[in-house]
Amino acid sequence: MSASDSIADRAVLFADIAGSTRLYEALGDAEALRRVEACLAALRSVTSQFGGKVVKTIGDEVLCVFGDAGTALRAAAEMQGSVRALPSKDDVRPAVRIGFHTGPVLERDGDVFGDTVNVAARIAGLAKAHQILSSDSACETLPGYLRMSVRSLGEAALKGRSEAVGLCEVIWDLGQDMTLVEGVAPVASMAARELTLSCGDRQWRLTQGALGIGRDAASDIVVAAPRASRQHARIEVRNGKFVLVDLSSNGTFVRPNGADLVLLKREDYVLAGRGLIGFGDEVSDPGPNVLVYDCVSVTGSDGA
């Protein structure tokens, strides 16, 4: 290391314009370049807004660093929103894919180096257009109110690394009625519906955010089903819908009233009407380890 080198923990974020080749084909060089530059300018502006630093721009990609994972996540969500809001007279518009990771970074002459940077770049390369991916280890450092905004995707092999890396997806696209707000969980500005949940004499109501379900005593809804996982599932408000997300080893069973049983294995399911949810075992009737759900309007009328 030289005298000017320093090592510090950073959140390293890559934001890449996806499908830029299509832009040039569809719009021609001059117009496509104008839109790419507008997109890059938006990414740089958001980075500055959240106290980050743009290290460099590599073609259609921006490399930036932030002080922690929470700031990187909020900046990434704002980046996606800012790019989506860019004016366009047609259906051809830039889209970005984002990946970030946290860890020690070697800083030298205004640039950053090291394994953390390499992993962040690989994660960004796995993201799709409009998607934000992060490492599990970065998400573990998030404050509680932001952890409800991520979901585990399992492990993925990264090129050049011998060990797989756990990935999470940031749920940033919450619809026009919802937004990620600093300091609070995702909230709905116009909550038109409500989900009621009951298990025995316990009851919960959900209109915004998310509820974690599992055997872990720290879960929002603790279930003692023999085949339930410690962190078995989550119900989250997404795009105005109540989405059940299975996170378990043995699966989550849903029996909607008047419909066939559904088995979820690391899948999402939109809850509607009324029904039962079982954890690790099939469910046919309410019981001590069965969750009863009911989607209703805030005014009290039944929801389908």
Protein backbone atom coordinates (compact mmCIF):
# COMPACT_ATOMS: atom_id res chain seq x y z
CA MET A 1 0.00 0.00 0.00
CA SER A 2 1.15 3.53 -0.76
CA ALA A 3 0.90 6.41 1.65
CA SER A 4 -2.22 7.65 -0.11
CA ASP A 5 -4.07 4.32 0.17
CA SER A 6 -6.84 3.77 2.70
CA ILE A 7 -9.15 0.89 3.57
CA ALA A 8 -12.69 1.48 4.81
CA ASP A 9 -16.02 -0.32 4.89
CA ARG A 10 -18.25 0.93 2.11
CA ALA A 11 -21.41 0.02 0.24
CA VAL A 12 -20.37 -0.34 -3.39
CA LEU A 13 -23.13 0.09 -5.97
CA PHE A 14 -23.12 -0.44 -9.73
CA ALA A 15 -25.98 0.95 -11.83
CA ASP A 16 -25.97 -0.13 -15.45
CA ILE A 17 -28.23 0.99 -18.29
CA ALA A 18 -29.85 -2.19 -19.62
CA GLY A 19 -30.64 -2.55 -23.30
CA SER A 20 -28.71 0.49 -24.48
CA THR A 21 -27.99 -1.27 -27.79
CA ARG A 22 -31.74 -1.36 -28.47
CA LEU A 23 -31.94 2.37 -27.76
CA TYR A 24 -29.37 3.12 -30.44
CA GLU A 25 -31.09 0.83 -32.92
CA ALA A 26 -34.54 2.28 -32.26
CA LEU A 27 -33.71 5.96 -31.87
CA GLY A 28 -30.50 6.58 -33.78
CA ASP A 29 -27.16 7.60 -32.34
CA ALA A 30 -27.87 11.22 -31.42
CA GLU A 31 -31.21 10.71 -29.65
CA ALA A 32 -30.09 7.51 -27.94
CA LEU A 33 -26.95 9.21 -26.64
CA ARG A 34 -29.03 12.11 -25.34
CA ARG A 35 -31.25 9.75 -23.36
CA VAL A 36 -28.34 7.71 -22.04
CA GLU A 37 -26.66 10.90 -20.85
CA ALA A 38 -29.90 12.03 -19.18
CA CYS A 39 -30.12 8.66 -17.43
CA LEU A 40 -26.50 8.84 -16.24
CA ALA A 41 -27.06 12.39 -15.02
CA ALA A 42 -30.05 11.20 -12.98
CA LEU A 43 -27.94 8.42 -11.42
CA ARG A 44 -25.19 10.87 -10.50
CA SER A 45 -27.69 13.33 -9.06
CA VAL A 46 -29.29 10.70 -6.82
CA THR A 47 -25.86 9.56 -5.64
CA SER A 48 -25.05 13.11 -4.54
CA GLN A 49 -28.51 13.51 -2.98
CA PHE A 50 -27.85 10.52 -0.68
CA GLY A 51 -24.34 11.61 0.27
CA GLY A 52 -22.60 9.07 -1.95
CA LYS A 53 -19.67 9.46 -4.29
CA VAL A 54 -19.56 8.67 -7.99
CA VAL A 55 -16.22 6.94 -8.43
CA LYS A 56 -16.39 6.69 -12.20
CA THR A 57 -18.60 6.12 -15.21
CA ILE A 58 -17.70 3.10 -17.33
CA GLY A 59 -19.55 3.31 -20.63
CA ASP A 60 -23.23 3.07 -19.68
CA GLU A 61 -22.48 2.09 -16.06
CA VAL A 62 -21.96 4.15 -12.92
CA LEU A 63 -19.82 2.97 -10.00
CA CYS A 64 -20.54 4.74 -6.73
CA VAL A 65 -19.98 4.22 -3.01
CA PHE A 66 -22.06 4.97 0.06
CA GLY A 67 -21.42 4.84 3.77
CA ASP A 68 -23.74 1.93 4.52
CA ALA A 69 -26.16 -0.56 2.98
CA GLY A 70 -29.27 1.32 4.10
CA THR A 71 -28.21 4.46 2.26
CA ALA A 72 -27.26 2.43 -0.81
CA LEU A 73 -30.67 0.72 -0.83
CA ARG A 74 -32.59 3.99 -0.57
CA ALA A 75 -30.42 5.55 -3.26
CA ALA A 76 -30.94 2.53 -5.53
CA ALA A 77 -34.72 2.78 -5.15
CA GLU A 78 -34.58 6.50 -5.91
CA MET A 79 -32.40 5.83 -8.95
CA GLN A 80 -34.96 3.44 -10.37
CA GLY A 81 -37.76 5.93 -9.74
CA SER A 82 -35.81 8.83 -11.23
CA VAL A 83 -34.98 6.93 -14.42
CA ARG A 84 -38.58 5.79 -14.79
CA ALA A 85 -39.73 9.42 -14.45
CA LEU A 86 -37.49 10.72 -17.25
CA PRO A 87 -39.61 12.32 -20.01
CA SER A 88 -40.18 10.30 -23.14
CA LYS A 89 -42.30 10.87 -26.24
CA ASP A 90 -42.43 7.17 -27.11
CA ASP A 91 -42.27 3.74 -25.49
CA VAL A 92 -38.50 3.49 -25.86
CA ARG A 93 -36.84 4.57 -22.64
CA PRO A 94 -33.71 3.62 -20.68
CA ALA A 95 -33.94 1.10 -17.85
CA VAL A 96 -31.31 0.40 -15.22
CA ARG A 97 -30.23 -2.66 -13.32
CA ILE A 98 -28.51 -2.20 -9.98
CA GLY A 99 -26.42 -4.34 -7.65
CA PHE A 100 -24.66 -3.50 -4.40
CA HIS A 101 -22.51 -5.18 -1.76
CA THR A 102 -20.79 -4.03 1.42
CA GLY A 103 -17.37 -4.68 2.87
CA PRO A 104 -13.81 -3.36 3.05
CA VAL A 105 -12.69 -1.32 0.07
CA LEU A 106 -9.20 -0.13 -0.88
CA GLU A 107 -9.35 3.52 -1.92
CA ARG A 108 -6.52 4.85 -4.07
CA ASP A 109 -6.30 8.03 -6.15
CA GLY A 110 -10.08 8.45 -6.21
CA ASP A 111 -10.74 4.87 -7.34
CA VAL A 112 -11.83 1.78 -5.37
CA PHE A 113 -10.49 -1.77 -5.51
CA GLY A 114 -10.91 -5.13 -3.85
CA ASP A 115 -13.17 -8.13 -3.46
CA THR A 116 -16.13 -6.02 -2.33
CA VAL A 117 -16.03 -4.08 -5.60
CA ASN A 118 -15.74 -7.26 -7.66
CA VAL A 119 -18.69 -8.92 -5.90
CA ALA A 120 -20.85 -5.80 -6.33
CA ALA A 121 -20.07 -5.79 -10.05
CA ARG A 122 -20.98 -9.46 -10.42
CA ILE A 123 -24.24 -8.98 -8.54
CA ALA A 124 -25.18 -6.04 -10.77
CA GLY A 125 -24.47 -8.26 -13.77
CA LEU A 126 -27.09 -10.74 -12.55
CA ALA A 127 -29.81 -8.09 -12.20
CA LYS A 128 -32.47 -7.61 -14.83
CA ALA A 129 -33.78 -4.29 -16.12
CA HIS A 130 -35.66 -2.39 -13.37
CA GLN A 131 -34.25 -4.76 -10.72
CA ILE A 132 -32.13 -4.10 -7.62
CA LEU A 133 -30.07 -6.98 -6.21
CA SER A 134 -27.90 -7.09 -3.12
CA SER A 135 -25.89 -9.63 -1.16
CA ASP A 136 -27.39 -11.30 1.90
CA SER A 137 -24.51 -10.00 3.98
CA ALA A 138 -25.30 -6.41 3.00
CA CYS A 139 -29.00 -6.89 3.79
CA GLU A 140 -28.14 -8.25 7.23
CA THR A 141 -26.77 -4.80 8.12
CA LEU A 142 -29.94 -2.95 7.08
CA PRO A 143 -32.01 -1.17 9.73
CA GLY A 144 -35.23 -2.98 10.64
CA TYR A 145 -37.57 -0.73 8.69
CA LEU A 146 -35.71 -1.47 5.45
CA ARG A 147 -35.45 -5.23 5.92
CA MET A 148 -39.14 -5.48 5.07
CA SER A 149 -38.25 -4.13 1.64
CA VAL A 150 -36.04 -7.09 0.65
CA ARG A 151 -36.66 -10.74 -0.04
CA SER A 152 -34.19 -13.61 -0.24
CA LEU A 153 -33.51 -15.22 -3.62
CA GLY A 154 -31.21 -17.96 -2.36
CA GLU A 155 -27.60 -18.49 -3.41
CA ALA A 156 -26.06 -17.77 -6.79
CA ALA A 157 -22.70 -18.64 -8.33
CA LEU A 158 -20.64 -15.59 -9.27
CA LYS A 159 -18.09 -15.78 -12.06
CA GLY A 160 -14.58 -16.04 -10.71
CA ARG A 161 -15.60 -17.00 -7.17
CA SER A 162 -15.37 -20.49 -5.69
CA GLU A 163 -18.21 -19.96 -3.20
CA ALA A 164 -21.81 -19.01 -3.96
CA VAL A 165 -23.18 -15.73 -2.64
CA GLY A 166 -26.60 -15.28 -1.08
CA LEU A 167 -28.72 -12.76 -2.96
CA CYS A 168 -31.63 -10.51 -2.00
CA GLU A 169 -33.98 -8.49 -4.19
CA VAL A 170 -35.07 -5.02 -3.17
CA ILE A 171 -38.82 -4.50 -3.60
CA TRP A 172 -38.76 -0.91 -4.79
CA ASP A 173 -41.61 -0.86 -7.35
CA LEU A 174 -44.54 -0.47 -4.97
CA GLY A 175 -46.99 1.07 -7.40
CA GLN A 176 -48.24 4.63 -7.70
CA ASP A 177 -49.96 4.56 -4.32
CA MET A 178 -46.84 3.48 -2.43
CA THR A 179 -43.32 4.70 -1.82
CA LEU A 180 -40.18 3.92 0.14
CA VAL A 181 -39.97 6.71 2.72
CA GLU A 182 -36.85 7.41 4.73
CA GLY A 183 -37.23 6.29 8.33
CA VAL A 184 -40.42 4.29 7.90
CA ALA A 185 -41.54 1.04 6.35
CA PRO A 186 -43.17 1.07 2.89
CA VAL A 187 -46.49 2.84 3.29
CA ALA A 188 -49.61 3.24 1.19
CA SER A 189 -50.90 6.74 0.65
CA MET A 190 -54.32 5.40 -0.26
CA ALA A 191 -54.85 2.07 1.53
CA ALA A 192 -58.08 0.87 -0.04
CA ARG A 193 -57.97 -2.65 1.41
CA GLU A 194 -57.10 -4.50 4.58
CA LEU A 195 -55.97 -8.04 5.31
CA THR A 196 -57.09 -9.62 8.57
CA LEU A 197 -55.28 -12.68 9.90
CA SER A 198 -56.21 -14.89 12.82
CA CYS A 199 -54.85 -17.98 14.54
CA GLY A 200 -56.90 -19.14 17.54
CA ASP A 201 -57.60 -16.07 19.64
CA ARG A 202 -54.77 -14.04 18.11
CA GLN A 203 -55.51 -11.54 15.35
CA TRP A 204 -53.53 -9.19 13.12
CA ARG A 205 -54.41 -6.53 10.55
CA LEU A 206 -52.25 -5.51 7.60
CA THR A 207 -52.73 -2.47 5.38
CA GLN A 208 -49.09 -1.57 4.70
CA GLY A 209 -45.58 -2.92 5.14
CA ALA A 210 -45.13 -6.62 5.87
CA LEU A 211 -45.50 -9.31 8.52
CA GLY A 212 -42.94 -12.08 9.05
CA ILE A 213 -44.19 -15.57 9.96
CA GLY A 214 -42.24 -18.45 11.48
CA ARG A 215 -41.14 -20.43 14.53
CA ASP A 216 -38.61 -17.77 15.49
CA ALA A 217 -39.81 -15.91 18.58
CA ALA A 218 -38.87 -12.64 16.88
CA SER A 219 -41.40 -13.22 14.07
CA ASP A 220 -44.40 -10.90 13.84
CA ILE A 221 -46.61 -14.02 13.75
CA VAL A 222 -45.13 -16.96 15.65
CA VAL A 223 -46.37 -20.40 14.55
CA ALA A 224 -45.56 -23.69 16.28
CA ALA A 225 -46.30 -26.04 13.38
CA PRO A 226 -43.87 -29.01 13.53
CA ARG A 227 -42.65 -28.54 9.94
CA ALA A 228 -42.54 -24.75 9.99
CA SER A 229 -39.21 -23.00 9.42
CA ARG A 230 -37.80 -20.39 11.78
CA GLN A 231 -38.41 -17.77 9.10
CA HIS A 232 -41.12 -19.50 7.14
CA ALA A 233 -42.97 -16.85 5.14
CA ARG A 234 -43.82 -13.19 4.80
CA ILE A 235 -46.98 -11.36 3.79
CA GLU A 236 -46.26 -7.98 2.22
CA VAL A 237 -48.23 -5.21 0.61
CA ARG A 238 -47.08 -4.89 -2.98
CA ASN A 239 -48.73 -2.89 -5.77
CA GLY A 240 -51.91 -2.69 -3.71
CA LYS A 241 -52.06 -6.49 -3.28
CA PHE A 242 -51.35 -8.78 -0.33
CA VAL A 243 -48.55 -11.10 -1.42
CA LEU A 244 -47.62 -14.26 0.48
CA VAL A 245 -43.91 -15.06 0.02
CA ASP A 246 -42.69 -18.55 0.94
CA LEU A 247 -39.19 -18.64 2.47
CA SER A 248 -39.31 -22.14 3.93
CA SER A 249 -37.83 -25.60 3.49
CA ASN A 250 -41.13 -27.52 3.57
CA GLY A 251 -43.39 -25.14 1.70
CA THR A 252 -46.46 -23.06 2.49
CA PHE A 253 -49.95 -24.39 1.73
CA VAL A 254 -52.84 -22.07 0.83
CA ARG A 255 -56.45 -23.21 0.64
CA PRO A 256 -58.66 -20.40 -0.68
CA ASN A 257 -62.35 -20.80 0.10
CA GLY A 258 -63.99 -22.73 -2.72
CA ALA A 259 -60.72 -23.40 -4.56
CA ASP A 260 -58.02 -26.07 -4.78
CA LEU A 261 -55.07 -26.31 -2.42
CA VAL A 262 -51.97 -24.41 -3.54
CA LEU A 263 -48.41 -25.38 -2.56
CA LEU A 264 -45.77 -22.65 -2.58
CA LYS A 265 -42.06 -23.47 -2.61
CA ARG A 266 -39.97 -20.30 -2.68
CA GLU A 267 -42.78 -18.68 -4.65
CA ASP A 268 -45.15 -15.72 -4.29
CA TYR A 269 -48.94 -15.91 -4.15
CA VAL A 270 -51.50 -13.09 -4.17
CA LEU A 271 -54.07 -13.54 -1.40
CA ALA A 272 -57.67 -12.71 -2.24
CA GLY A 273 -61.01 -13.37 -0.57
CA ARG A 274 -60.82 -15.75 2.39
CA GLY A 275 -58.89 -18.92 3.09
CA LEU A 276 -56.41 -20.86 5.18
CA ILE A 277 -52.60 -20.93 5.28
CA GLY A 278 -50.64 -23.94 6.55
CA PHE A 279 -46.93 -24.11 7.30
CA GLY A 280 -45.13 -27.23 6.10
CA ASP A 281 -48.27 -29.40 6.00
CA GLU A 282 -51.47 -29.48 3.99
CA VAL A 283 -54.37 -27.60 5.51
CA SER A 284 -58.10 -28.31 5.33
CA ASP A 285 -59.58 -26.83 8.51
CA PRO A 286 -58.72 -24.04 10.97
CA GLY A 287 -56.47 -25.19 13.79
CA PRO A 288 -53.89 -24.02 16.32
CA ASN A 289 -51.12 -23.78 13.69
CA VAL A 290 -53.28 -22.61 10.79
CA LEU A 291 -53.57 -18.98 9.77
CA VAL A 292 -56.99 -17.78 8.59
CA TYR A 293 -56.88 -14.85 6.17
CA ASP A 294 -59.61 -12.49 4.99
CA CYS A 295 -59.14 -9.68 2.47
CA VAL A 296 -61.64 -6.94 3.14
CA SER A 297 -62.10 -3.32 2.18
CA VAL A 298 -61.31 -0.70 4.79
CA THR A 299 -65.01 0.17 4.92
CA GLY A 300 -65.76 -3.44 5.85
CA SER A 301 -67.19 -4.93 2.65
CA ASP A 302 -65.81 -8.26 1.52
CA GLY A 303 -62.93 -8.23 -0.91
CA ALA A 304 -62.45 -10.78 -3.67
